[in-house]
Amino acid sequence: MFVKICGITTEADALLAVAMGADAVGFVFAPSPRQMAVQAVHDIVRRLPADVLTVGVFRNDAPDRVIKVVDQAGLKAAQLHGNETADDTRTVRARVPIVFKAFPAGDPAIDRFDQFGADALLIDAKQPGSGQVFDWSLTAAAPVGARVLLAGGLHAGNVARAIEQVQPWGVDVSTGVERSPGQKDPVRVKAFVTNAKIAEPVRYEGAGKGPYDWMIDE
């Protein structure tokens, strides 16, 4: 089970997430209480193990800016969490090794995910970062074969149930492992990662075990 801890704001929290078994850490560049400066992210990323997937989260930025920030911060992936078009997403993917494209649950554009050329489909609540849970049955709209990364109101208490129902390739959490906006709670992070890994669907066993293993077709 691929586990991403998002909304990282400090080196301590990034190292905490990695120590607890997270496969990826996310840094928010969009307007948010967790918004980060490029140099600050660069300083954190260079201290992380090479096998950790580092992800920059953007919302409605021009492709050129996304590419530039990913490069300057030394990140390995971009998460496009706005109304980016298929053309925008493909442009970023041509220059960035890994791209996640996010959609709110129920968005009709999910049907056209294949046109975006992204590596994984992130399905979130209508208000990203709100900590709200959406109707998980809406994930059924995901195209067959898409790697689904489930987000939206997840925490240690519901992540196993969410995985059982949705059978996603991975899960993404931010507010559900915080003690305050932008500050992670060690106990919550550990419990979330542990519960998610234990609940891993059989068909995805091994996802996240290596730095880029998840990119290999099942």
N, C-alpha and C. Protein backbone atom coordinates (compact mmCIF):
# COMPACT_ATOMS: atom_id res chain seq x y z
N MET A 1 0.84 -1.20 0.00
CA MET A 1 0.00 0.00 0.00
C MET A 1 0.87 1.24 0.00
N PHE A 2 0.68 2.08 -1.00
CA PHE A 2 1.43 3.32 -1.12
C PHE A 2 0.80 4.36 -0.18
N VAL A 3 1.61 4.94 0.68
CA VAL A 3 1.10 5.91 1.66
C VAL A 3 1.84 7.23 1.49
N LYS A 4 1.07 8.29 1.30
CA LYS A 4 1.64 9.63 1.15
C LYS A 4 1.17 10.51 2.31
N ILE A 5 2.12 11.14 2.98
CA ILE A 5 1.80 12.10 4.03
C ILE A 5 1.98 13.49 3.43
N CYS A 6 0.91 14.24 3.34
CA CYS A 6 0.96 15.53 2.67
C CYS A 6 0.91 16.69 3.67
N GLY A 7 1.17 17.88 3.16
CA GLY A 7 1.13 19.07 4.00
C GLY A 7 2.31 19.16 4.94
N ILE A 8 3.46 18.61 4.53
CA ILE A 8 4.67 18.68 5.35
C ILE A 8 5.20 20.12 5.36
N THR A 9 5.54 20.62 6.54
CA THR A 9 6.04 22.00 6.64
C THR A 9 7.40 22.11 7.32
N THR A 10 7.88 21.02 7.90
CA THR A 10 9.17 21.07 8.59
C THR A 10 10.00 19.83 8.27
N GLU A 11 11.30 19.98 8.44
CA GLU A 11 12.19 18.83 8.24
C GLU A 11 11.88 17.73 9.24
N ALA A 12 11.57 18.10 10.46
CA ALA A 12 11.28 17.11 11.50
C ALA A 12 10.07 16.26 11.11
N ASP A 13 9.04 16.91 10.57
CA ASP A 13 7.85 16.15 10.18
C ASP A 13 8.11 15.28 8.96
N ALA A 14 8.95 15.75 8.05
CA ALA A 14 9.29 14.94 6.87
C ALA A 14 10.04 13.69 7.32
N LEU A 15 11.01 13.84 8.20
CA LEU A 15 11.77 12.70 8.69
C LEU A 15 10.89 11.78 9.52
N LEU A 16 9.95 12.35 10.25
CA LEU A 16 9.01 11.55 11.04
C LEU A 16 8.19 10.66 10.12
N ALA A 17 7.63 11.24 9.06
CA ALA A 17 6.79 10.48 8.14
C ALA A 17 7.57 9.33 7.52
N VAL A 18 8.80 9.61 7.13
CA VAL A 18 9.64 8.57 6.53
C VAL A 18 9.96 7.48 7.55
N ALA A 19 10.29 7.88 8.77
CA ALA A 19 10.63 6.91 9.81
C ALA A 19 9.45 6.01 10.14
N MET A 20 8.24 6.53 9.99
CA MET A 20 7.05 5.75 10.29
C MET A 20 6.59 4.87 9.13
N GLY A 21 7.33 4.96 8.00
CA GLY A 21 7.02 4.06 6.90
C GLY A 21 6.30 4.66 5.71
N ALA A 22 6.14 5.98 5.69
CA ALA A 22 5.49 6.61 4.53
C ALA A 22 6.36 6.44 3.29
N ASP A 23 5.71 6.26 2.16
CA ASP A 23 6.42 6.10 0.88
C ASP A 23 6.66 7.44 0.19
N ALA A 24 5.85 8.43 0.54
CA ALA A 24 5.95 9.74 -0.12
C ALA A 24 5.58 10.84 0.86
N VAL A 25 6.15 12.02 0.64
CA VAL A 25 5.80 13.20 1.42
C VAL A 25 5.45 14.31 0.45
N GLY A 26 4.44 15.10 0.81
CA GLY A 26 3.97 16.15 -0.08
C GLY A 26 4.16 17.53 0.51
N PHE A 27 4.54 18.48 -0.35
CA PHE A 27 4.75 19.87 0.05
C PHE A 27 3.81 20.75 -0.76
N VAL A 28 3.05 21.58 -0.09
CA VAL A 28 2.01 22.37 -0.74
C VAL A 28 2.56 23.73 -1.19
N PHE A 29 2.40 24.01 -2.47
CA PHE A 29 2.79 25.32 -3.00
C PHE A 29 1.57 26.17 -3.33
N ALA A 30 0.39 25.60 -3.20
CA ALA A 30 -0.86 26.34 -3.43
C ALA A 30 -1.23 27.11 -2.16
N PRO A 31 -2.07 28.14 -2.28
CA PRO A 31 -2.50 28.87 -1.08
C PRO A 31 -3.11 27.93 -0.05
N SER A 32 -2.57 27.95 1.16
CA SER A 32 -2.98 27.02 2.20
C SER A 32 -2.25 27.39 3.48
N PRO A 33 -2.79 27.00 4.65
CA PRO A 33 -2.04 27.19 5.90
C PRO A 33 -0.72 26.42 5.88
N ARG A 34 -0.61 25.46 4.96
CA ARG A 34 0.58 24.62 4.86
C ARG A 34 1.47 25.01 3.68
N GLN A 35 1.21 26.16 3.07
CA GLN A 35 1.97 26.57 1.89
C GLN A 35 3.44 26.77 2.24
N MET A 36 4.29 26.29 1.32
CA MET A 36 5.73 26.33 1.55
C MET A 36 6.44 27.18 0.50
N ALA A 37 7.61 27.69 0.87
CA ALA A 37 8.49 28.40 -0.06
C ALA A 37 9.41 27.38 -0.72
N VAL A 38 9.79 27.67 -1.94
CA VAL A 38 10.60 26.73 -2.72
C VAL A 38 11.92 26.40 -2.01
N GLN A 39 12.61 27.40 -1.53
CA GLN A 39 13.92 27.16 -0.89
C GLN A 39 13.77 26.32 0.37
N ALA A 40 12.72 26.57 1.12
CA ALA A 40 12.50 25.80 2.35
C ALA A 40 12.28 24.32 2.03
N VAL A 41 11.54 24.04 0.97
CA VAL A 41 11.32 22.66 0.55
C VAL A 41 12.62 22.02 0.07
N HIS A 42 13.37 22.78 -0.69
CA HIS A 42 14.67 22.28 -1.18
C HIS A 42 15.56 21.86 -0.01
N ASP A 43 15.59 22.67 1.04
CA ASP A 43 16.44 22.39 2.19
C ASP A 43 16.00 21.12 2.91
N ILE A 44 14.68 20.85 2.90
CA ILE A 44 14.17 19.63 3.53
C ILE A 44 14.44 18.42 2.66
N VAL A 45 14.13 18.54 1.38
CA VAL A 45 14.22 17.41 0.46
C VAL A 45 15.64 16.83 0.39
N ARG A 46 16.62 17.71 0.42
CA ARG A 46 18.00 17.21 0.27
C ARG A 46 18.46 16.40 1.47
N ARG A 47 17.70 16.40 2.55
CA ARG A 47 18.06 15.62 3.74
C ARG A 47 17.28 14.31 3.85
N LEU A 48 16.41 14.06 2.87
CA LEU A 48 15.59 12.85 2.93
C LEU A 48 16.25 11.70 2.18
N PRO A 49 15.93 10.46 2.55
CA PRO A 49 16.47 9.30 1.84
C PRO A 49 16.08 9.34 0.37
N ALA A 50 16.95 8.81 -0.48
CA ALA A 50 16.73 8.87 -1.93
C ALA A 50 15.51 8.08 -2.38
N ASP A 51 15.10 7.09 -1.59
CA ASP A 51 13.99 6.25 -2.04
C ASP A 51 12.62 6.78 -1.62
N VAL A 52 12.59 7.98 -1.05
CA VAL A 52 11.31 8.60 -0.68
C VAL A 52 10.82 9.46 -1.85
N LEU A 53 9.56 9.29 -2.22
CA LEU A 53 9.00 10.08 -3.30
C LEU A 53 8.59 11.45 -2.75
N THR A 54 9.19 12.50 -3.27
CA THR A 54 8.89 13.86 -2.81
C THR A 54 7.99 14.53 -3.85
N VAL A 55 6.89 15.08 -3.38
CA VAL A 55 5.82 15.56 -4.27
C VAL A 55 5.49 17.02 -4.00
N GLY A 56 5.43 17.83 -5.04
CA GLY A 56 4.99 19.21 -4.91
C GLY A 56 3.51 19.29 -5.30
N VAL A 57 2.72 19.94 -4.48
CA VAL A 57 1.27 20.05 -4.72
C VAL A 57 0.95 21.45 -5.24
N PHE A 58 0.32 21.49 -6.40
CA PHE A 58 0.00 22.75 -7.07
C PHE A 58 -1.49 22.82 -7.39
N ARG A 59 -1.98 24.05 -7.51
CA ARG A 59 -3.39 24.22 -7.87
C ARG A 59 -3.51 25.36 -8.88
N ASN A 60 -3.85 24.99 -10.11
CA ASN A 60 -4.12 25.95 -11.19
C ASN A 60 -2.91 26.83 -11.53
N ASP A 61 -1.72 26.29 -11.37
CA ASP A 61 -0.52 27.01 -11.79
C ASP A 61 -0.23 26.71 -13.26
N ALA A 62 0.44 27.63 -13.93
CA ALA A 62 0.86 27.40 -15.30
C ALA A 62 1.85 26.24 -15.33
N PRO A 63 1.79 25.40 -16.34
CA PRO A 63 2.72 24.26 -16.42
C PRO A 63 4.18 24.66 -16.27
N ASP A 64 4.58 25.78 -16.88
CA ASP A 64 5.97 26.22 -16.79
C ASP A 64 6.38 26.48 -15.34
N ARG A 65 5.48 27.04 -14.55
CA ARG A 65 5.82 27.31 -13.15
C ARG A 65 5.93 26.00 -12.37
N VAL A 66 5.02 25.08 -12.62
CA VAL A 66 5.08 23.79 -11.93
C VAL A 66 6.42 23.12 -12.21
N ILE A 67 6.79 23.08 -13.46
CA ILE A 67 8.05 22.44 -13.86
C ILE A 67 9.24 23.13 -13.20
N LYS A 68 9.22 24.46 -13.19
CA LYS A 68 10.32 25.24 -12.61
C LYS A 68 10.44 24.98 -11.11
N VAL A 69 9.32 24.98 -10.39
CA VAL A 69 9.35 24.78 -8.95
C VAL A 69 9.81 23.38 -8.60
N VAL A 70 9.30 22.38 -9.32
CA VAL A 70 9.73 21.00 -9.09
C VAL A 70 11.24 20.89 -9.24
N ASP A 71 11.76 21.52 -10.28
CA ASP A 71 13.20 21.47 -10.54
C ASP A 71 13.99 22.19 -9.45
N GLN A 72 13.56 23.40 -9.10
CA GLN A 72 14.29 24.20 -8.11
C GLN A 72 14.26 23.56 -6.72
N ALA A 73 13.14 22.93 -6.39
CA ALA A 73 13.02 22.31 -5.06
C ALA A 73 13.65 20.93 -5.00
N GLY A 74 14.01 20.38 -6.15
CA GLY A 74 14.61 19.05 -6.17
C GLY A 74 13.61 17.94 -5.93
N LEU A 75 12.37 18.16 -6.35
CA LEU A 75 11.31 17.18 -6.14
C LEU A 75 11.30 16.13 -7.25
N LYS A 76 10.64 15.02 -6.98
CA LYS A 76 10.54 13.93 -7.95
C LYS A 76 9.18 13.85 -8.63
N ALA A 77 8.20 14.55 -8.09
CA ALA A 77 6.84 14.42 -8.62
C ALA A 77 6.04 15.70 -8.41
N ALA A 78 4.99 15.83 -9.21
CA ALA A 78 4.06 16.96 -9.08
C ALA A 78 2.64 16.41 -8.93
N GLN A 79 1.89 17.04 -8.07
CA GLN A 79 0.47 16.71 -7.89
C GLN A 79 -0.33 17.93 -8.31
N LEU A 80 -1.14 17.77 -9.35
CA LEU A 80 -1.94 18.88 -9.87
C LEU A 80 -3.33 18.78 -9.27
N HIS A 81 -3.64 19.73 -8.39
CA HIS A 81 -4.82 19.61 -7.56
C HIS A 81 -5.87 20.68 -7.86
N GLY A 82 -5.91 21.13 -9.12
CA GLY A 82 -6.88 22.15 -9.48
C GLY A 82 -7.65 21.77 -10.73
N ASN A 83 -7.92 22.78 -11.56
CA ASN A 83 -8.68 22.57 -12.79
C ASN A 83 -7.77 22.47 -14.01
N GLU A 84 -6.60 21.91 -13.82
CA GLU A 84 -5.66 21.77 -14.92
C GLU A 84 -6.27 20.94 -16.05
N THR A 85 -6.02 21.36 -17.26
CA THR A 85 -6.55 20.64 -18.41
C THR A 85 -5.69 19.42 -18.72
N ALA A 86 -6.20 18.58 -19.62
CA ALA A 86 -5.41 17.43 -20.06
C ALA A 86 -4.12 17.89 -20.72
N ASP A 87 -4.20 18.97 -21.51
CA ASP A 87 -3.00 19.50 -22.16
C ASP A 87 -1.98 19.99 -21.13
N ASP A 88 -2.46 20.71 -20.11
CA ASP A 88 -1.57 21.19 -19.06
C ASP A 88 -0.87 20.02 -18.37
N THR A 89 -1.65 19.00 -18.06
CA THR A 89 -1.10 17.86 -17.33
C THR A 89 -0.07 17.12 -18.16
N ARG A 90 -0.36 16.93 -19.42
CA ARG A 90 0.60 16.25 -20.30
C ARG A 90 1.88 17.06 -20.46
N THR A 91 1.74 18.39 -20.50
CA THR A 91 2.92 19.26 -20.60
C THR A 91 3.82 19.09 -19.39
N VAL A 92 3.22 19.05 -18.21
CA VAL A 92 4.01 18.85 -16.98
C VAL A 92 4.64 17.46 -16.99
N ARG A 93 3.86 16.46 -17.38
CA ARG A 93 4.36 15.08 -17.36
C ARG A 93 5.53 14.88 -18.32
N ALA A 94 5.61 15.69 -19.35
CA ALA A 94 6.72 15.58 -20.30
C ALA A 94 8.05 16.01 -19.68
N ARG A 95 7.97 16.80 -18.59
CA ARG A 95 9.18 17.34 -17.97
C ARG A 95 9.37 16.88 -16.52
N VAL A 96 8.35 16.30 -15.94
CA VAL A 96 8.41 15.85 -14.55
C VAL A 96 8.23 14.33 -14.54
N PRO A 97 9.09 13.59 -13.85
CA PRO A 97 9.06 12.13 -13.91
C PRO A 97 7.74 11.47 -13.51
N ILE A 98 7.08 12.03 -12.51
CA ILE A 98 5.85 11.43 -11.99
C ILE A 98 4.82 12.53 -11.75
N VAL A 99 3.59 12.30 -12.19
CA VAL A 99 2.53 13.29 -12.01
C VAL A 99 1.27 12.61 -11.49
N PHE A 100 0.71 13.17 -10.42
CA PHE A 100 -0.59 12.76 -9.92
C PHE A 100 -1.59 13.84 -10.34
N LYS A 101 -2.72 13.44 -10.89
CA LYS A 101 -3.77 14.40 -11.22
C LYS A 101 -4.95 14.18 -10.28
N ALA A 102 -5.32 15.22 -9.55
CA ALA A 102 -6.40 15.13 -8.57
C ALA A 102 -7.72 15.64 -9.14
N PHE A 103 -8.80 14.98 -8.72
CA PHE A 103 -10.15 15.39 -9.07
C PHE A 103 -11.03 15.28 -7.84
N PRO A 104 -12.01 16.19 -7.69
CA PRO A 104 -12.97 16.01 -6.61
C PRO A 104 -13.88 14.84 -6.93
N ALA A 105 -14.30 14.12 -5.92
CA ALA A 105 -15.19 12.98 -6.11
C ALA A 105 -16.44 13.42 -6.87
N GLY A 106 -16.82 12.64 -7.86
CA GLY A 106 -18.00 12.95 -8.65
C GLY A 106 -17.75 13.82 -9.85
N ASP A 107 -16.51 14.28 -10.04
CA ASP A 107 -16.18 15.12 -11.19
C ASP A 107 -16.31 14.30 -12.48
N PRO A 108 -17.10 14.77 -13.44
CA PRO A 108 -17.26 14.04 -14.70
C PRO A 108 -15.95 13.84 -15.45
N ALA A 109 -14.97 14.71 -15.20
CA ALA A 109 -13.68 14.61 -15.90
C ALA A 109 -12.92 13.34 -15.54
N ILE A 110 -13.30 12.70 -14.44
CA ILE A 110 -12.64 11.45 -14.06
C ILE A 110 -12.78 10.41 -15.18
N ASP A 111 -13.88 10.46 -15.88
CA ASP A 111 -14.09 9.52 -17.00
C ASP A 111 -13.03 9.68 -18.07
N ARG A 112 -12.43 10.88 -18.15
CA ARG A 112 -11.43 11.16 -19.19
C ARG A 112 -10.01 11.13 -18.63
N PHE A 113 -9.81 10.49 -17.50
CA PHE A 113 -8.50 10.49 -16.86
C PHE A 113 -7.40 10.03 -17.79
N ASP A 114 -7.67 9.05 -18.60
CA ASP A 114 -6.64 8.52 -19.51
C ASP A 114 -6.06 9.59 -20.43
N GLN A 115 -6.85 10.62 -20.71
CA GLN A 115 -6.40 11.68 -21.62
C GLN A 115 -5.38 12.61 -20.96
N PHE A 116 -5.28 12.57 -19.64
CA PHE A 116 -4.40 13.49 -18.93
C PHE A 116 -2.94 13.01 -18.89
N GLY A 117 -2.72 11.75 -19.15
CA GLY A 117 -1.36 11.23 -19.18
C GLY A 117 -0.67 11.20 -17.83
N ALA A 118 -1.44 11.21 -16.74
CA ALA A 118 -0.85 11.19 -15.40
C ALA A 118 -0.60 9.75 -14.96
N ASP A 119 0.25 9.59 -13.95
CA ASP A 119 0.61 8.27 -13.46
C ASP A 119 -0.38 7.71 -12.46
N ALA A 120 -1.09 8.58 -11.76
CA ALA A 120 -2.06 8.13 -10.78
C ALA A 120 -3.21 9.14 -10.69
N LEU A 121 -4.37 8.63 -10.34
CA LEU A 121 -5.59 9.42 -10.21
C LEU A 121 -5.89 9.61 -8.74
N LEU A 122 -5.80 10.85 -8.25
CA LEU A 122 -6.11 11.14 -6.87
C LEU A 122 -7.55 11.63 -6.77
N ILE A 123 -8.34 10.98 -5.95
CA ILE A 123 -9.74 11.39 -5.76
C ILE A 123 -9.88 11.94 -4.35
N ASP A 124 -10.37 13.18 -4.27
CA ASP A 124 -10.41 13.91 -3.00
C ASP A 124 -11.81 14.45 -2.77
N ALA A 125 -12.01 15.03 -1.59
CA ALA A 125 -13.26 15.72 -1.30
C ALA A 125 -13.33 16.99 -2.14
N LYS A 126 -14.50 17.60 -2.20
CA LYS A 126 -14.66 18.80 -3.04
C LYS A 126 -13.83 19.97 -2.54
N GLN A 127 -13.52 19.97 -1.23
CA GLN A 127 -12.67 21.02 -0.66
C GLN A 127 -11.38 20.38 -0.15
N PRO A 128 -10.33 20.36 -0.97
CA PRO A 128 -9.07 19.73 -0.58
C PRO A 128 -8.53 20.33 0.72
N GLY A 129 -8.02 19.47 1.59
CA GLY A 129 -7.45 19.95 2.84
C GLY A 129 -8.47 20.25 3.92
N SER A 130 -9.75 19.99 3.62
CA SER A 130 -10.80 20.30 4.59
C SER A 130 -10.95 19.23 5.66
N GLY A 131 -10.40 18.05 5.40
CA GLY A 131 -10.56 16.95 6.34
C GLY A 131 -11.92 16.29 6.25
N GLN A 132 -12.65 16.58 5.18
CA GLN A 132 -14.00 16.03 5.01
C GLN A 132 -13.95 14.70 4.26
N VAL A 133 -14.76 13.76 4.72
CA VAL A 133 -14.89 12.47 4.05
C VAL A 133 -16.01 12.59 3.02
N PHE A 134 -15.79 12.02 1.83
CA PHE A 134 -16.84 12.02 0.82
C PHE A 134 -17.40 10.60 0.69
N ASP A 135 -18.42 10.46 -0.12
CA ASP A 135 -19.04 9.16 -0.35
C ASP A 135 -18.08 8.29 -1.16
N TRP A 136 -17.49 7.30 -0.53
CA TRP A 136 -16.47 6.49 -1.19
C TRP A 136 -16.99 5.72 -2.40
N SER A 137 -18.30 5.54 -2.48
CA SER A 137 -18.85 4.83 -3.64
C SER A 137 -18.61 5.61 -4.93
N LEU A 138 -18.34 6.91 -4.82
CA LEU A 138 -18.08 7.74 -6.00
C LEU A 138 -16.78 7.36 -6.69
N THR A 139 -15.91 6.66 -6.00
CA THR A 139 -14.64 6.25 -6.62
C THR A 139 -14.85 5.17 -7.68
N ALA A 140 -16.04 4.61 -7.72
CA ALA A 140 -16.34 3.57 -8.72
C ALA A 140 -16.27 4.14 -10.13
N ALA A 141 -16.31 5.46 -10.25
CA ALA A 141 -16.25 6.10 -11.57
C ALA A 141 -14.84 6.08 -12.16
N ALA A 142 -13.86 5.69 -11.37
CA ALA A 142 -12.47 5.67 -11.87
C ALA A 142 -12.35 4.66 -13.00
N PRO A 143 -11.64 5.03 -14.07
CA PRO A 143 -11.45 4.09 -15.19
C PRO A 143 -10.77 2.80 -14.73
N VAL A 144 -11.14 1.70 -15.32
CA VAL A 144 -10.53 0.42 -15.01
C VAL A 144 -9.03 0.48 -15.29
N GLY A 145 -8.25 0.05 -14.34
CA GLY A 145 -6.81 0.03 -14.52
C GLY A 145 -6.09 1.25 -13.98
N ALA A 146 -6.84 2.30 -13.64
CA ALA A 146 -6.19 3.51 -13.11
C ALA A 146 -5.67 3.25 -11.69
N ARG A 147 -4.50 3.79 -11.40
CA ARG A 147 -3.99 3.73 -10.03
C ARG A 147 -4.69 4.82 -9.23
N VAL A 148 -5.55 4.42 -8.33
CA VAL A 148 -6.33 5.38 -7.55
C VAL A 148 -5.64 5.67 -6.22
N LEU A 149 -5.43 6.94 -5.97
CA LEU A 149 -4.88 7.42 -4.72
C LEU A 149 -6.02 8.10 -3.98
N LEU A 150 -6.45 7.53 -2.88
CA LEU A 150 -7.62 8.02 -2.15
C LEU A 150 -7.22 9.04 -1.10
N ALA A 151 -7.92 10.17 -1.08
CA ALA A 151 -7.69 11.22 -0.09
C ALA A 151 -9.05 11.69 0.44
N GLY A 152 -9.01 12.67 1.32
CA GLY A 152 -10.26 13.26 1.79
C GLY A 152 -10.74 12.73 3.13
N GLY A 153 -10.34 13.37 4.22
CA GLY A 153 -10.86 13.02 5.54
C GLY A 153 -10.37 11.70 6.10
N LEU A 154 -9.30 11.18 5.57
CA LEU A 154 -8.79 9.91 6.08
C LEU A 154 -8.01 10.14 7.39
N HIS A 155 -8.07 9.13 8.26
CA HIS A 155 -7.30 9.14 9.50
C HIS A 155 -7.13 7.70 9.94
N ALA A 156 -6.41 7.49 11.03
CA ALA A 156 -6.10 6.13 11.46
C ALA A 156 -7.34 5.30 11.73
N GLY A 157 -8.41 5.97 12.15
CA GLY A 157 -9.63 5.25 12.52
C GLY A 157 -10.48 4.79 11.35
N ASN A 158 -10.29 5.39 10.18
CA ASN A 158 -11.16 5.00 9.04
C ASN A 158 -10.39 4.52 7.82
N VAL A 159 -9.06 4.59 7.84
CA VAL A 159 -8.31 4.26 6.64
C VAL A 159 -8.46 2.79 6.24
N ALA A 160 -8.49 1.88 7.20
CA ALA A 160 -8.65 0.46 6.86
C ALA A 160 -10.01 0.21 6.22
N ARG A 161 -11.04 0.83 6.76
CA ARG A 161 -12.39 0.69 6.19
C ARG A 161 -12.45 1.26 4.78
N ALA A 162 -11.78 2.40 4.58
CA ALA A 162 -11.76 3.03 3.26
C ALA A 162 -11.05 2.13 2.25
N ILE A 163 -9.93 1.55 2.66
CA ILE A 163 -9.19 0.67 1.76
C ILE A 163 -10.01 -0.57 1.42
N GLU A 164 -10.69 -1.11 2.41
CA GLU A 164 -11.52 -2.29 2.17
C GLU A 164 -12.62 -2.01 1.16
N GLN A 165 -13.23 -0.83 1.26
CA GLN A 165 -14.34 -0.50 0.35
C GLN A 165 -13.87 -0.07 -1.02
N VAL A 166 -12.84 0.78 -1.07
CA VAL A 166 -12.42 1.38 -2.35
C VAL A 166 -11.40 0.52 -3.09
N GLN A 167 -10.57 -0.22 -2.34
CA GLN A 167 -9.48 -1.00 -2.93
C GLN A 167 -8.54 -0.11 -3.75
N PRO A 168 -8.07 0.98 -3.16
CA PRO A 168 -7.19 1.89 -3.90
C PRO A 168 -5.78 1.36 -3.99
N TRP A 169 -5.02 1.96 -4.88
CA TRP A 169 -3.59 1.65 -4.97
C TRP A 169 -2.84 2.32 -3.83
N GLY A 170 -3.32 3.49 -3.39
CA GLY A 170 -2.66 4.21 -2.31
C GLY A 170 -3.59 5.15 -1.58
N VAL A 171 -3.10 5.69 -0.49
CA VAL A 171 -3.88 6.65 0.31
C VAL A 171 -3.02 7.88 0.60
N ASP A 172 -3.71 9.01 0.77
CA ASP A 172 -3.04 10.29 0.97
C ASP A 172 -3.71 10.99 2.15
N VAL A 173 -2.92 11.47 3.09
CA VAL A 173 -3.48 12.10 4.28
C VAL A 173 -2.71 13.36 4.63
N SER A 174 -3.42 14.33 5.20
CA SER A 174 -2.79 15.56 5.68
C SER A 174 -3.37 15.92 7.04
N THR A 175 -4.58 16.46 7.05
CA THR A 175 -5.18 16.91 8.32
C THR A 175 -5.41 15.77 9.30
N GLY A 176 -5.62 14.58 8.80
CA GLY A 176 -5.93 13.44 9.67
C GLY A 176 -4.78 12.97 10.53
N VAL A 177 -3.59 13.50 10.29
CA VAL A 177 -2.43 13.11 11.12
C VAL A 177 -1.78 14.34 11.75
N GLU A 178 -2.56 15.39 11.91
CA GLU A 178 -2.04 16.64 12.47
C GLU A 178 -2.53 16.90 13.88
N ARG A 179 -1.72 17.62 14.65
CA ARG A 179 -2.16 18.12 15.95
C ARG A 179 -2.64 19.57 15.81
N SER A 180 -2.15 20.24 14.75
CA SER A 180 -2.60 21.59 14.39
C SER A 180 -2.23 21.77 12.91
N PRO A 181 -2.83 22.76 12.21
CA PRO A 181 -2.54 22.90 10.78
C PRO A 181 -1.03 22.99 10.48
N GLY A 182 -0.54 22.03 9.69
CA GLY A 182 0.86 22.03 9.31
C GLY A 182 1.79 21.38 10.30
N GLN A 183 1.27 20.88 11.41
CA GLN A 183 2.12 20.23 12.42
C GLN A 183 1.65 18.80 12.63
N LYS A 184 2.48 17.83 12.25
CA LYS A 184 2.10 16.43 12.33
C LYS A 184 2.22 15.89 13.76
N ASP A 185 1.37 14.91 14.05
CA ASP A 185 1.37 14.25 15.34
C ASP A 185 1.99 12.87 15.18
N PRO A 186 3.10 12.58 15.87
CA PRO A 186 3.79 11.30 15.69
C PRO A 186 2.91 10.08 15.91
N VAL A 187 2.08 10.11 16.92
CA VAL A 187 1.21 8.97 17.22
C VAL A 187 0.21 8.75 16.09
N ARG A 188 -0.36 9.82 15.58
CA ARG A 188 -1.35 9.71 14.51
C ARG A 188 -0.71 9.26 13.20
N VAL A 189 0.49 9.77 12.93
CA VAL A 189 1.19 9.36 11.71
C VAL A 189 1.49 7.87 11.75
N LYS A 190 2.04 7.41 12.87
CA LYS A 190 2.39 5.99 13.00
C LYS A 190 1.15 5.12 12.86
N ALA A 191 0.07 5.48 13.53
CA ALA A 191 -1.15 4.67 13.49
C ALA A 191 -1.73 4.64 12.08
N PHE A 192 -1.69 5.77 11.40
CA PHE A 192 -2.24 5.82 10.04
C PHE A 192 -1.45 4.92 9.09
N VAL A 193 -0.13 5.06 9.10
CA VAL A 193 0.70 4.26 8.19
C VAL A 193 0.54 2.77 8.51
N THR A 194 0.56 2.42 9.77
CA THR A 194 0.43 1.02 10.17
C THR A 194 -0.90 0.44 9.72
N ASN A 195 -1.99 1.14 9.98
CA ASN A 195 -3.32 0.65 9.63
C ASN A 195 -3.49 0.54 8.12
N ALA A 196 -2.91 1.48 7.39
CA ALA A 196 -3.01 1.45 5.93
C ALA A 196 -2.24 0.27 5.35
N LYS A 197 -1.05 0.03 5.85
CA LYS A 197 -0.21 -1.06 5.33
C LYS A 197 -0.85 -2.42 5.62
N ILE A 198 -1.43 -2.56 6.80
CA ILE A 198 -2.05 -3.83 7.17
C ILE A 198 -3.26 -4.13 6.27
N ALA A 199 -3.97 -3.07 5.87
CA ALA A 199 -5.20 -3.23 5.08
C ALA A 199 -4.95 -3.33 3.58
N GLU A 200 -3.69 -3.41 3.16
CA GLU A 200 -3.35 -3.40 1.74
C GLU A 200 -4.11 -4.47 0.95
N PRO A 201 -4.78 -4.07 -0.14
CA PRO A 201 -5.46 -5.06 -0.98
C PRO A 201 -4.44 -6.03 -1.58
N VAL A 202 -4.84 -7.29 -1.73
CA VAL A 202 -3.94 -8.31 -2.23
C VAL A 202 -3.37 -7.94 -3.59
N ARG A 203 -4.19 -7.36 -4.46
CA ARG A 203 -3.72 -7.08 -5.82
C ARG A 203 -2.64 -6.00 -5.85
N TYR A 204 -2.48 -5.24 -4.76
CA TYR A 204 -1.46 -4.19 -4.74
C TYR A 204 -0.32 -4.51 -3.78
N GLU A 205 -0.23 -5.75 -3.31
CA GLU A 205 0.84 -6.09 -2.39
C GLU A 205 2.19 -5.76 -3.01
N GLY A 206 2.99 -5.03 -2.26
CA GLY A 206 4.31 -4.64 -2.76
C GLY A 206 4.37 -3.22 -3.26
N ALA A 207 3.22 -2.57 -3.49
CA ALA A 207 3.25 -1.18 -3.94
C ALA A 207 3.89 -0.32 -2.88
N GLY A 208 4.85 0.50 -3.29
CA GLY A 208 5.51 1.37 -2.34
C GLY A 208 6.72 0.75 -1.66
N LYS A 209 7.05 -0.50 -2.00
CA LYS A 209 8.18 -1.13 -1.33
C LYS A 209 9.51 -0.58 -1.83
N GLY A 210 9.55 -0.06 -3.05
CA GLY A 210 10.78 0.50 -3.59
C GLY A 210 10.49 1.88 -4.13
N PRO A 211 11.53 2.64 -4.48
CA PRO A 211 11.34 4.03 -4.89
C PRO A 211 10.44 4.22 -6.11
N TYR A 212 10.50 3.29 -7.06
CA TYR A 212 9.67 3.46 -8.25
C TYR A 212 8.95 2.17 -8.63
N ASP A 213 8.85 1.23 -7.70
CA ASP A 213 8.19 -0.04 -7.98
C ASP A 213 6.74 0.16 -8.42
N TRP A 214 6.12 1.20 -7.87
CA TRP A 214 4.70 1.41 -8.15
C TRP A 214 4.44 1.74 -9.61
N MET A 215 5.48 2.16 -10.34
CA MET A 215 5.29 2.53 -11.73
C MET A 215 5.22 1.30 -12.65
N ILE A 216 5.60 0.14 -12.09
CA ILE A 216 5.56 -1.08 -12.87
C ILE A 216 4.14 -1.59 -12.95
N ASP A 217 3.66 -1.90 -14.13
CA ASP A 217 2.30 -2.39 -14.30
C ASP A 217 2.07 -3.66 -13.48
N GLU A 218 0.87 -3.70 -12.85
CA GLU A 218 0.53 -4.93 -12.13
C GLU A 218 0.28 -6.05 -13.13
